[in-house]
Every structure is written in structure tokens, then in C-alpha cells.
Protein backbone atom coordinates (compact mmCIF):
# COMPACT_ATOMS: atom_id res chain seq x y z
CA MET A 1 11.90 38.58 -26.97
CA GLU A 2 12.38 34.94 -26.28
CA ASN A 3 13.47 35.61 -22.78
CA ASN A 4 9.98 37.41 -22.21
CA SER A 5 8.03 34.58 -23.71
CA GLU A 6 9.80 31.90 -21.52
CA LYS A 7 9.00 34.10 -18.61
CA SER A 8 5.61 34.13 -19.60
CA THR A 9 5.22 30.49 -19.96
CA VAL A 10 6.93 30.05 -16.43
CA ASN A 11 4.30 32.54 -14.90
CA ALA A 12 1.56 30.87 -16.60
CA THR A 13 2.56 27.42 -15.47
CA GLN A 14 3.01 28.63 -11.78
CA SER A 15 -0.32 30.22 -11.90
CA VAL A 16 -1.90 26.96 -13.27
CA ASP A 17 -0.13 24.98 -10.54
CA ALA A 18 -1.36 27.55 -8.03
CA TYR A 19 -4.95 27.43 -8.97
CA SER A 20 -4.81 23.67 -9.18
CA THR A 21 -3.49 23.51 -5.74
CA MET A 22 -6.32 25.97 -4.22
CA SER A 23 -8.88 24.06 -6.12
CA HIS A 24 -7.76 20.83 -4.75
CA LEU A 25 -7.85 22.36 -1.36
CA ASN A 26 -11.31 23.77 -1.64
CA ILE A 27 -12.62 20.36 -2.98
CA GLU A 28 -11.07 18.83 0.35
CA LYS A 29 -12.93 21.44 2.34
CA ILE A 30 -16.31 20.83 0.70
CA GLU A 31 -16.17 17.14 1.18
CA GLN A 32 -14.98 17.58 4.72
CA GLU A 33 -18.07 19.91 5.30
CA TYR A 34 -20.26 17.42 3.49
CA MET A 35 -19.07 14.70 5.64
CA GLU A 36 -19.62 16.52 8.83
CA MET A 37 -23.30 17.34 7.65
CA PHE A 38 -24.00 13.66 6.68
CA TRP A 39 -23.03 12.32 10.09
CA THR A 40 -24.70 15.10 11.90
CA ASP A 41 -27.81 14.20 9.93
CA GLN A 42 -27.47 10.53 10.55
CA GLU A 43 -26.95 11.19 14.25
CA ARG A 44 -30.17 13.32 14.48
CA GLU A 45 -32.07 10.70 12.69
CA MET A 46 -30.81 7.83 14.71
CA GLU A 47 -31.82 9.81 17.94
CA LYS A 48 -35.44 10.27 16.57
CA ILE A 49 -36.00 6.57 16.10
CA ASP A 50 -38.04 4.98 18.74
CA ASN A 51 -37.28 1.26 17.66
CA PHE A 52 -34.05 1.06 15.80
CA LYS A 53 -34.31 -2.49 14.68
CA ASN A 54 -37.78 -1.97 12.69
CA ASN A 55 -36.61 1.00 10.59
CA LEU A 56 -33.79 -0.61 8.76
CA LEU A 57 -33.90 -1.49 5.03
CA VAL A 58 -32.25 -4.81 5.69
CA SER A 59 -33.47 -7.05 8.38
CA PRO A 60 -31.15 -8.16 11.22
CA ASN A 61 -32.58 -11.54 10.97
CA HIS A 62 -31.43 -11.89 7.30
CA ILE A 63 -28.23 -10.54 8.11
CA LYS A 64 -27.78 -13.22 11.02
CA ASN A 65 -28.81 -16.12 8.51
CA ILE A 66 -26.14 -15.09 6.10
CA MET A 67 -23.57 -15.01 8.95
CA LYS A 68 -24.47 -18.34 10.26
CA THR A 69 -23.81 -19.91 6.71
CA ASN A 70 -20.26 -19.51 7.40
CA LYS A 71 -18.73 -22.44 8.95
CA ASP A 72 -16.25 -20.63 11.00
CA VAL A 73 -19.15 -18.41 12.83
CA ARG A 74 -20.26 -20.05 16.00
CA ARG A 75 -21.68 -17.38 17.98
CA ILE A 76 -23.22 -13.95 16.96
CA THR A 77 -23.86 -11.09 19.44
CA SER A 78 -27.12 -9.40 19.30
CA GLU A 79 -25.61 -6.12 18.19
CA SER A 80 -23.71 -7.59 15.31
CA PRO A 81 -26.64 -8.15 12.90
CA VAL A 82 -28.20 -4.63 13.69
CA LEU A 83 -24.73 -2.83 13.11
CA LEU A 84 -24.33 -4.63 9.93
CA ALA A 85 -27.77 -3.69 8.79
CA LYS A 86 -27.35 -0.12 9.62
CA ALA A 87 -24.02 -0.19 7.87
CA CYS A 88 -25.95 -1.58 4.73
CA ASP A 89 -28.42 1.19 5.07
CA PHE A 90 -25.54 3.67 4.91
CA PHE A 91 -24.18 1.86 1.79
CA ILE A 92 -27.35 1.79 0.06
CA GLN A 93 -28.04 5.56 0.76
């Protein structure tokens, strides 16, 4: 009798392990699909924007002023504050 209960315990443990592995794989698949949808939507949104700089939550000028407060920063390309502002928008969303 003990032998059967031990086998049942082993089978139950294996079933739980298999289920948790399958659940983990499903969660990863769902997360991957969500990320793909998110970036596809972001790309569509950016294609619709006529004037990219005016549609940001954080002003590129504010970003540039913050960058200038660092003594090590000597030159700032015009794209850097815009890209950082868009990254802030993604973070805020």
C-alpha cells in the first residue's frame, strides 16, 4: 500500500512540475505577443505624427537643459533630447 501512495505522490509532483513549466511557457508567449503588439502600435502612432517634437509629454528643451547641468557634457546633438523625451514618454506610459 505504501508503494502505491509513493507512486501517487511522485506522479502528482511530476504533474505539478509539468503544469508549472507549461504555465511559464504560456506566460512567456503572452508577454512576447504583448510586446510585439505594443511596439507595433508605437510604430503606427509615430508614423501618424506630423511634428514629432510637439507631441511629447516631456519637452526636449527641458531634457537639453538637464543634460547641460552635467559638467562633462560639452556638445549635445539635436536628436539626443528628442530621443530621450520619447523614451520618457514610453516610461510614463
